Amino acid sequence: PALEPIPQPVAPARPGPPPGPPPPPPPPPIN
């Protein structure tokens, strides 16, 4: 009687820091 080893889940690669908010859009040109 022996239990089969349970495969351990592979931890996903840690991504870098989350991307910040997108830069504000440029102001509209003066026409």
PDB file of all heavy atoms in Angstrom:
ATOM      1  N   PRO A   1       0.837  -1.205   0.000  1.00  0.00           N
ATOM      2  CA  PRO A   1       0.000   0.000   0.000  1.00  0.00           C
ATOM      3  C   PRO A   1       0.873   1.256   0.000  1.00  0.00           C
ATOM      4  O   PRO A   1       1.629   1.500   0.929  1.00  0.00           O
ATOM      5  CB  PRO A   1      -0.809  -0.120   1.290  1.00  0.00           C
ATOM      6  CG  PRO A   1       0.015  -0.988   2.176  1.00  0.00           C
ATOM      7  CD  PRO A   1       0.776  -1.915   1.275  1.00  0.00           C
ATOM      8  N   ALA A   2       0.800   2.000  -1.046  1.00  0.00           N
ATOM      9  CA  ALA A   2       1.555   3.253  -1.143  1.00  0.00           C
ATOM     10  C   ALA A   2       0.757   4.206  -2.020  1.00  0.00           C
ATOM     11  O   ALA A   2       0.110   3.806  -2.984  1.00  0.00           O
ATOM     12  CB  ALA A   2       2.924   3.003  -1.750  1.00  0.00           C
ATOM     13  N   LEU A   3       0.812   5.447  -1.646  1.00  0.00           N
ATOM     14  CA  LEU A   3       0.115   6.459  -2.433  1.00  0.00           C
ATOM     15  C   LEU A   3       1.020   6.936  -3.560  1.00  0.00           C
ATOM     16  O   LEU A   3       2.226   7.088  -3.384  1.00  0.00           O
ATOM     17  CB  LEU A   3      -0.270   7.648  -1.547  1.00  0.00           C
ATOM     18  CG  LEU A   3      -1.244   7.346  -0.414  1.00  0.00           C
ATOM     19  CD1 LEU A   3      -1.426   8.591   0.446  1.00  0.00           C
ATOM     20  CD2 LEU A   3      -2.568   6.915  -0.983  1.00  0.00           C
ATOM     21  N   GLU A   4       0.420   7.169  -4.677  1.00  0.00           N
ATOM     22  CA  GLU A   4       1.194   7.722  -5.786  1.00  0.00           C
ATOM     23  C   GLU A   4       1.479   9.176  -5.479  1.00  0.00           C
ATOM     24  O   GLU A   4       0.626   9.889  -4.933  1.00  0.00           O
ATOM     25  CB  GLU A   4       0.411   7.602  -7.085  1.00  0.00           C
ATOM     26  CG  GLU A   4       0.242   6.196  -7.553  1.00  0.00           C
ATOM     27  CD  GLU A   4      -0.446   6.124  -8.904  1.00  0.00           C
ATOM     28  OE1 GLU A   4      -0.388   7.120  -9.649  1.00  0.00           O
ATOM     29  OE2 GLU A   4      -1.026   5.087  -9.188  1.00  0.00           O
ATOM     30  N   PRO A   5       2.669   9.648  -5.808  1.00  0.00           N
ATOM     31  CA  PRO A   5       2.962  11.056  -5.527  1.00  0.00           C
ATOM     32  C   PRO A   5       2.084  11.958  -6.394  1.00  0.00           C
ATOM     33  O   PRO A   5       1.869  11.701  -7.574  1.00  0.00           O
ATOM     34  CB  PRO A   5       4.443  11.214  -5.905  1.00  0.00           C
ATOM     35  CG  PRO A   5       4.715  10.093  -6.839  1.00  0.00           C
ATOM     36  CD  PRO A   5       3.785   8.974  -6.453  1.00  0.00           C
ATOM     37  N   ILE A   6       1.579  12.992  -5.759  1.00  0.00           N
ATOM     38  CA  ILE A   6       0.730  13.949  -6.468  1.00  0.00           C
ATOM     39  C   ILE A   6       1.641  14.997  -7.099  1.00  0.00           C
ATOM     40  O   ILE A   6       2.471  15.591  -6.406  1.00  0.00           O
ATOM     41  CB  ILE A   6      -0.267  14.612  -5.506  1.00  0.00           C
ATOM     42  CG1 ILE A   6      -1.178  13.544  -4.897  1.00  0.00           C
ATOM     43  CG2 ILE A   6      -1.063  15.689  -6.204  1.00  0.00           C
ATOM     44  CD1 ILE A   6      -2.077  14.064  -3.807  1.00  0.00           C
ATOM     45  N   PRO A   7       1.518  15.212  -8.392  1.00  0.00           N
ATOM     46  CA  PRO A   7       2.396  16.226  -9.008  1.00  0.00           C
ATOM     47  C   PRO A   7       2.049  17.611  -8.476  1.00  0.00           C
ATOM     48  O   PRO A   7       0.885  17.981  -8.374  1.00  0.00           O
ATOM     49  CB  PRO A   7       2.086  16.105 -10.498  1.00  0.00           C
ATOM     50  CG  PRO A   7       0.776  15.423 -10.582  1.00  0.00           C
ATOM     51  CD  PRO A   7       0.640  14.593  -9.339  1.00  0.00           C
ATOM     52  N   GLN A   8       3.073  18.350  -8.104  1.00  0.00           N
ATOM     53  CA  GLN A   8       2.884  19.689  -7.575  1.00  0.00           C
ATOM     54  C   GLN A   8       2.667  20.665  -8.734  1.00  0.00           C
ATOM     55  O   GLN A   8       3.358  20.589  -9.741  1.00  0.00           O
ATOM     56  CB  GLN A   8       4.110  20.138  -6.768  1.00  0.00           C
ATOM     57  CG  GLN A   8       4.360  19.276  -5.535  1.00  0.00           C
ATOM     58  CD  GLN A   8       3.221  19.380  -4.534  1.00  0.00           C
ATOM     59  OE1 GLN A   8       2.647  20.441  -4.357  1.00  0.00           O
ATOM     60  NE2 GLN A   8       2.896  18.272  -3.889  1.00  0.00           N
ATOM     61  N   PRO A   9       1.717  21.560  -8.592  1.00  0.00           N
ATOM     62  CA  PRO A   9       1.502  22.526  -9.672  1.00  0.00           C
ATOM     63  C   PRO A   9       2.684  23.484  -9.764  1.00  0.00           C
ATOM     64  O   PRO A   9       3.284  23.872  -8.763  1.00  0.00           O
ATOM     65  CB  PRO A   9       0.223  23.264  -9.257  1.00  0.00           C
ATOM     66  CG  PRO A   9       0.135  23.076  -7.778  1.00  0.00           C
ATOM     67  CD  PRO A   9       0.790  21.754  -7.494  1.00  0.00           C
ATOM     68  N   VAL A  10       3.019  23.830 -10.970  1.00  0.00           N
ATOM     69  CA  VAL A  10       4.128  24.736 -11.212  1.00  0.00           C
ATOM     70  C   VAL A  10       3.623  26.153 -11.027  1.00  0.00           C
ATOM     71  O   VAL A  10       2.609  26.549 -11.614  1.00  0.00           O
ATOM     72  CB  VAL A  10       4.682  24.537 -12.643  1.00  0.00           C
ATOM     73  CG1 VAL A  10       5.803  25.512 -12.916  1.00  0.00           C
ATOM     74  CG2 VAL A  10       5.137  23.105 -12.816  1.00  0.00           C
ATOM     75  N   ALA A  11       4.327  26.893 -10.193  1.00  0.00           N
ATOM     76  CA  ALA A  11       3.914  28.282  -9.947  1.00  0.00           C
ATOM     77  C   ALA A  11       4.190  29.103 -11.205  1.00  0.00           C
ATOM     78  O   ALA A  11       5.242  28.979 -11.826  1.00  0.00           O
ATOM     79  CB  ALA A  11       4.694  28.853  -8.768  1.00  0.00           C
ATOM     80  N   PRO A  12       3.241  29.922 -11.617  1.00  0.00           N
ATOM     81  CA  PRO A  12       3.477  30.728 -12.809  1.00  0.00           C
ATOM     82  C   PRO A  12       4.567  31.759 -12.540  1.00  0.00           C
ATOM     83  O   PRO A  12       4.783  32.176 -11.400  1.00  0.00           O
ATOM     84  CB  PRO A  12       2.122  31.398 -13.061  1.00  0.00           C
ATOM     85  CG  PRO A  12       1.445  31.395 -11.741  1.00  0.00           C
ATOM     86  CD  PRO A  12       1.952  30.168 -11.027  1.00  0.00           C
ATOM     87  N   ALA A  13       5.244  32.136 -13.581  1.00  0.00           N
ATOM     88  CA  ALA A  13       6.309  33.123 -13.459  1.00  0.00           C
ATOM     89  C   ALA A  13       5.719  34.437 -12.968  1.00  0.00           C
ATOM     90  O   ALA A  13       4.655  34.856 -13.414  1.00  0.00           O
ATOM     91  CB  ALA A  13       6.999  33.317 -14.792  1.00  0.00           C
ATOM     92  N   ARG A  14       6.406  35.043 -12.033  1.00  0.00           N
ATOM     93  CA  ARG A  14       5.897  36.296 -11.488  1.00  0.00           C
ATOM     94  C   ARG A  14       6.194  37.425 -12.466  1.00  0.00           C
ATOM     95  O   ARG A  14       7.343  37.657 -12.814  1.00  0.00           O
ATOM     96  CB  ARG A  14       6.534  36.597 -10.152  1.00  0.00           C
ATOM     97  CG  ARG A  14       6.088  35.637  -9.090  1.00  0.00           C
ATOM     98  CD  ARG A  14       6.590  36.066  -7.755  1.00  0.00           C
ATOM     99  NE  ARG A  14       6.088  35.147  -6.740  1.00  0.00           N
ATOM    100  CZ  ARG A  14       6.138  35.410  -5.469  1.00  0.00           C
ATOM    101  NH1 ARG A  14       6.659  36.532  -5.043  1.00  0.00           N
ATOM    102  NH2 ARG A  14       5.674  34.534  -4.600  1.00  0.00           N
ATOM    103  N   PRO A  15       5.172  38.104 -12.872  1.00  0.00           N
ATOM    104  CA  PRO A  15       5.421  39.215 -13.788  1.00  0.00           C
ATOM    105  C   PRO A  15       6.007  40.393 -13.028  1.00  0.00           C
ATOM    106  O   PRO A  15       5.979  40.448 -11.803  1.00  0.00           O
ATOM    107  CB  PRO A  15       4.024  39.545 -14.331  1.00  0.00           C
ATOM    108  CG  PRO A  15       3.103  39.110 -13.246  1.00  0.00           C
ATOM    109  CD  PRO A  15       3.773  37.906 -12.613  1.00  0.00           C
ATOM    110  N   GLY A  16       6.538  41.335 -13.763  1.00  0.00           N
ATOM    111  CA  GLY A  16       7.100  42.539 -13.164  1.00  0.00           C
ATOM    112  C   GLY A  16       5.988  43.348 -12.521  1.00  0.00           C
ATOM    113  O   GLY A  16       4.850  42.916 -12.404  1.00  0.00           O
ATOM    114  N   PRO A  17       6.340  44.520 -12.099  1.00  0.00           N
ATOM    115  CA  PRO A  17       5.314  45.343 -11.452  1.00  0.00           C
ATOM    116  C   PRO A  17       4.191  45.637 -12.439  1.00  0.00           C
ATOM    117  O   PRO A  17       4.405  45.699 -13.647  1.00  0.00           O
ATOM    118  CB  PRO A  17       6.064  46.619 -11.060  1.00  0.00           C
ATOM    119  CG  PRO A  17       7.260  46.647 -11.950  1.00  0.00           C
ATOM    120  CD  PRO A  17       7.601  45.211 -12.241  1.00  0.00           C
ATOM    121  N   PRO A  18       2.996  45.778 -11.923  1.00  0.00           N
ATOM    122  CA  PRO A  18       1.877  46.031 -12.830  1.00  0.00           C
ATOM    123  C   PRO A  18       2.081  47.368 -13.556  1.00  0.00           C
ATOM    124  O   PRO A  18       2.658  48.301 -13.005  1.00  0.00           O
ATOM    125  CB  PRO A  18       0.654  46.077 -11.919  1.00  0.00           C
ATOM    126  CG  PRO A  18       1.197  46.382 -10.563  1.00  0.00           C
ATOM    127  CD  PRO A  18       2.583  45.805 -10.519  1.00  0.00           C
ATOM    128  N   PRO A  19       1.643  47.414 -14.781  1.00  0.00           N
ATOM    129  CA  PRO A  19       1.833  48.655 -15.521  1.00  0.00           C
ATOM    130  C   PRO A  19       1.025  49.784 -14.895  1.00  0.00           C
ATOM    131  O   PRO A  19      -0.075  49.588 -14.393  1.00  0.00           O
ATOM    132  CB  PRO A  19       1.315  48.335 -16.924  1.00  0.00           C
ATOM    133  CG  PRO A  19       0.390  47.195 -16.726  1.00  0.00           C
ATOM    134  CD  PRO A  19       0.928  46.420 -15.541  1.00  0.00           C
ATOM    135  N   GLY A  20       1.626  50.944 -14.893  1.00  0.00           N
ATOM    136  CA  GLY A  20       0.969  52.098 -14.307  1.00  0.00           C
ATOM    137  C   GLY A  20      -0.172  52.563 -15.202  1.00  0.00           C
ATOM    138  O   GLY A  20      -0.439  51.996 -16.262  1.00  0.00           O
ATOM    139  N   PRO A  21      -0.844  53.569 -14.755  1.00  0.00           N
ATOM    140  CA  PRO A  21      -1.935  54.078 -15.590  1.00  0.00           C
ATOM    141  C   PRO A  21      -1.364  54.664 -16.886  1.00  0.00           C
ATOM    142  O   PRO A  21      -0.220  55.108 -16.931  1.00  0.00           O
ATOM    143  CB  PRO A  21      -2.576  55.173 -14.716  1.00  0.00           C
ATOM    144  CG  PRO A  21      -1.495  55.572 -13.760  1.00  0.00           C
ATOM    145  CD  PRO A  21      -0.656  54.354 -13.543  1.00  0.00           C
ATOM    146  N   PRO A  22      -2.137  54.613 -17.939  1.00  0.00           N
ATOM    147  CA  PRO A  22      -1.626  55.142 -19.205  1.00  0.00           C
ATOM    148  C   PRO A  22      -1.391  56.650 -19.084  1.00  0.00           C
ATOM    149  O   PRO A  22      -2.051  57.330 -18.295  1.00  0.00           O
ATOM    150  CB  PRO A  22      -2.740  54.837 -20.206  1.00  0.00           C
ATOM    151  CG  PRO A  22      -3.958  54.683 -19.377  1.00  0.00           C
ATOM    152  CD  PRO A  22      -3.505  54.147 -18.053  1.00  0.00           C
ATOM    153  N   PRO A  23      -0.443  57.146 -19.848  1.00  0.00           N
ATOM    154  CA  PRO A  23      -0.175  58.584 -19.758  1.00  0.00           C
ATOM    155  C   PRO A  23      -1.390  59.370 -20.242  1.00  0.00           C
ATOM    156  O   PRO A  23      -2.168  58.880 -21.063  1.00  0.00           O
ATOM    157  CB  PRO A  23       1.030  58.789 -20.689  1.00  0.00           C
ATOM    158  CG  PRO A  23       0.987  57.637 -21.623  1.00  0.00           C
ATOM    159  CD  PRO A  23       0.394  56.493 -20.848  1.00  0.00           C
ATOM    160  N   PRO A  24      -1.549  60.552 -19.711  1.00  0.00           N
ATOM    161  CA  PRO A  24      -2.712  61.336 -20.137  1.00  0.00           C
ATOM    162  C   PRO A  24      -2.594  61.693 -21.619  1.00  0.00           C
ATOM    163  O   PRO A  24      -1.493  61.850 -22.149  1.00  0.00           O
ATOM    164  CB  PRO A  24      -2.643  62.605 -19.261  1.00  0.00           C
ATOM    165  CG  PRO A  24      -1.215  62.696 -18.837  1.00  0.00           C
ATOM    166  CD  PRO A  24      -0.696  61.291 -18.777  1.00  0.00           C
ATOM    167  N   PRO A  25      -3.708  61.786 -22.290  1.00  0.00           N
ATOM    168  CA  PRO A  25      -3.636  62.101 -23.719  1.00  0.00           C
ATOM    169  C   PRO A  25      -3.116  63.525 -23.911  1.00  0.00           C
ATOM    170  O   PRO A  25      -3.283  64.383 -23.056  1.00  0.00           O
ATOM    171  CB  PRO A  25      -5.096  61.980 -24.179  1.00  0.00           C
ATOM    172  CG  PRO A  25      -5.900  62.192 -22.951  1.00  0.00           C
ATOM    173  CD  PRO A  25      -5.069  61.656 -21.813  1.00  0.00           C
ATOM    174  N   PRO A  26      -2.432  63.765 -25.015  1.00  0.00           N
ATOM    175  CA  PRO A  26      -1.912  65.110 -25.245  1.00  0.00           C
ATOM    176  C   PRO A  26      -3.077  66.084 -25.411  1.00  0.00           C
ATOM    177  O   PRO A  26      -4.163  65.704 -25.857  1.00  0.00           O
ATOM    178  CB  PRO A  26      -1.105  64.973 -26.536  1.00  0.00           C
ATOM    179  CG  PRO A  26      -1.682  63.801 -27.224  1.00  0.00           C
ATOM    180  CD  PRO A  26      -2.148  62.875 -26.126  1.00  0.00           C
ATOM    181  N   PRO A  27      -2.858  67.314 -25.030  1.00  0.00           N
ATOM    182  CA  PRO A  27      -3.940  68.296 -25.168  1.00  0.00           C
ATOM    183  C   PRO A  27      -4.265  68.514 -26.646  1.00  0.00           C
ATOM    184  O   PRO A  27      -3.406  68.346 -27.507  1.00  0.00           O
ATOM    185  CB  PRO A  27      -3.386  69.556 -24.515  1.00  0.00           C
ATOM    186  CG  PRO A  27      -1.905  69.386 -24.550  1.00  0.00           C
ATOM    187  CD  PRO A  27      -1.649  67.916 -24.484  1.00  0.00           C
ATOM    188  N   PRO A  28      -5.476  68.854 -26.925  1.00  0.00           N
ATOM    189  CA  PRO A  28      -5.837  69.055 -28.329  1.00  0.00           C
ATOM    190  C   PRO A  28      -5.083  70.270 -28.891  1.00  0.00           C
ATOM    191  O   PRO A  28      -4.807  71.227 -28.180  1.00  0.00           O
ATOM    192  CB  PRO A  28      -7.345  69.305 -28.285  1.00  0.00           C
ATOM    193  CG  PRO A  28      -7.607  69.788 -26.896  1.00  0.00           C
ATOM    194  CD  PRO A  28      -6.593  69.127 -26.036  1.00  0.00           C
ATOM    195  N   PRO A  29      -4.736  70.184 -30.164  1.00  0.00           N
ATOM    196  CA  PRO A  29      -4.004  71.314 -30.748  1.00  0.00           C
ATOM    197  C   PRO A  29      -4.906  72.552 -30.856  1.00  0.00           C
ATOM    198  O   PRO A  29      -6.122  72.447 -30.957  1.00  0.00           O
ATOM    199  CB  PRO A  29      -3.595  70.802 -32.128  1.00  0.00           C
ATOM    200  CG  PRO A  29      -4.619  69.765 -32.453  1.00  0.00           C
ATOM    201  CD  PRO A  29      -4.989  69.131 -31.134  1.00  0.00           C
ATOM    202  N   ILE A  30      -4.277  73.693 -30.830  1.00  0.00           N
ATOM    203  CA  ILE A  30      -5.015  74.957 -30.995  1.00  0.00           C
ATOM    204  C   ILE A  30      -5.152  75.176 -32.488  1.00  0.00           C
ATOM    205  O   ILE A  30      -4.149  75.289 -33.210  1.00  0.00           O
ATOM    206  CB  ILE A  30      -4.268  76.121 -30.310  1.00  0.00           C
ATOM    207  CG1 ILE A  30      -4.178  75.838 -28.808  1.00  0.00           C
ATOM    208  CG2 ILE A  30      -4.949  77.446 -30.593  1.00  0.00           C
ATOM    209  CD1 ILE A  30      -3.324  76.833 -28.038  1.00  0.00           C
ATOM    210  N   ASN A  31      -6.371  75.188 -32.960  1.00  0.00           N
ATOM    211  CA  ASN A  31      -6.584  75.263 -34.412  1.00  0.00           C
ATOM    212  C   ASN A  31      -6.905  76.696 -34.867  1.00  0.00           C
ATOM    213  O   ASN A  31      -7.838  76.926 -35.609  1.00  0.00           O
ATOM    214  CB  ASN A  31      -7.663  74.279 -34.852  1.00  0.00           C
ATOM    215  CG  ASN A  31      -8.969  74.477 -34.118  1.00  0.00           C
ATOM    216  OD1 ASN A  31      -9.044  75.283 -33.208  1.00  0.00           O
ATOM    217  ND2 ASN A  31      -9.979  73.745 -34.516  1.00  0.00           N
TER     218      ASN A  31
END
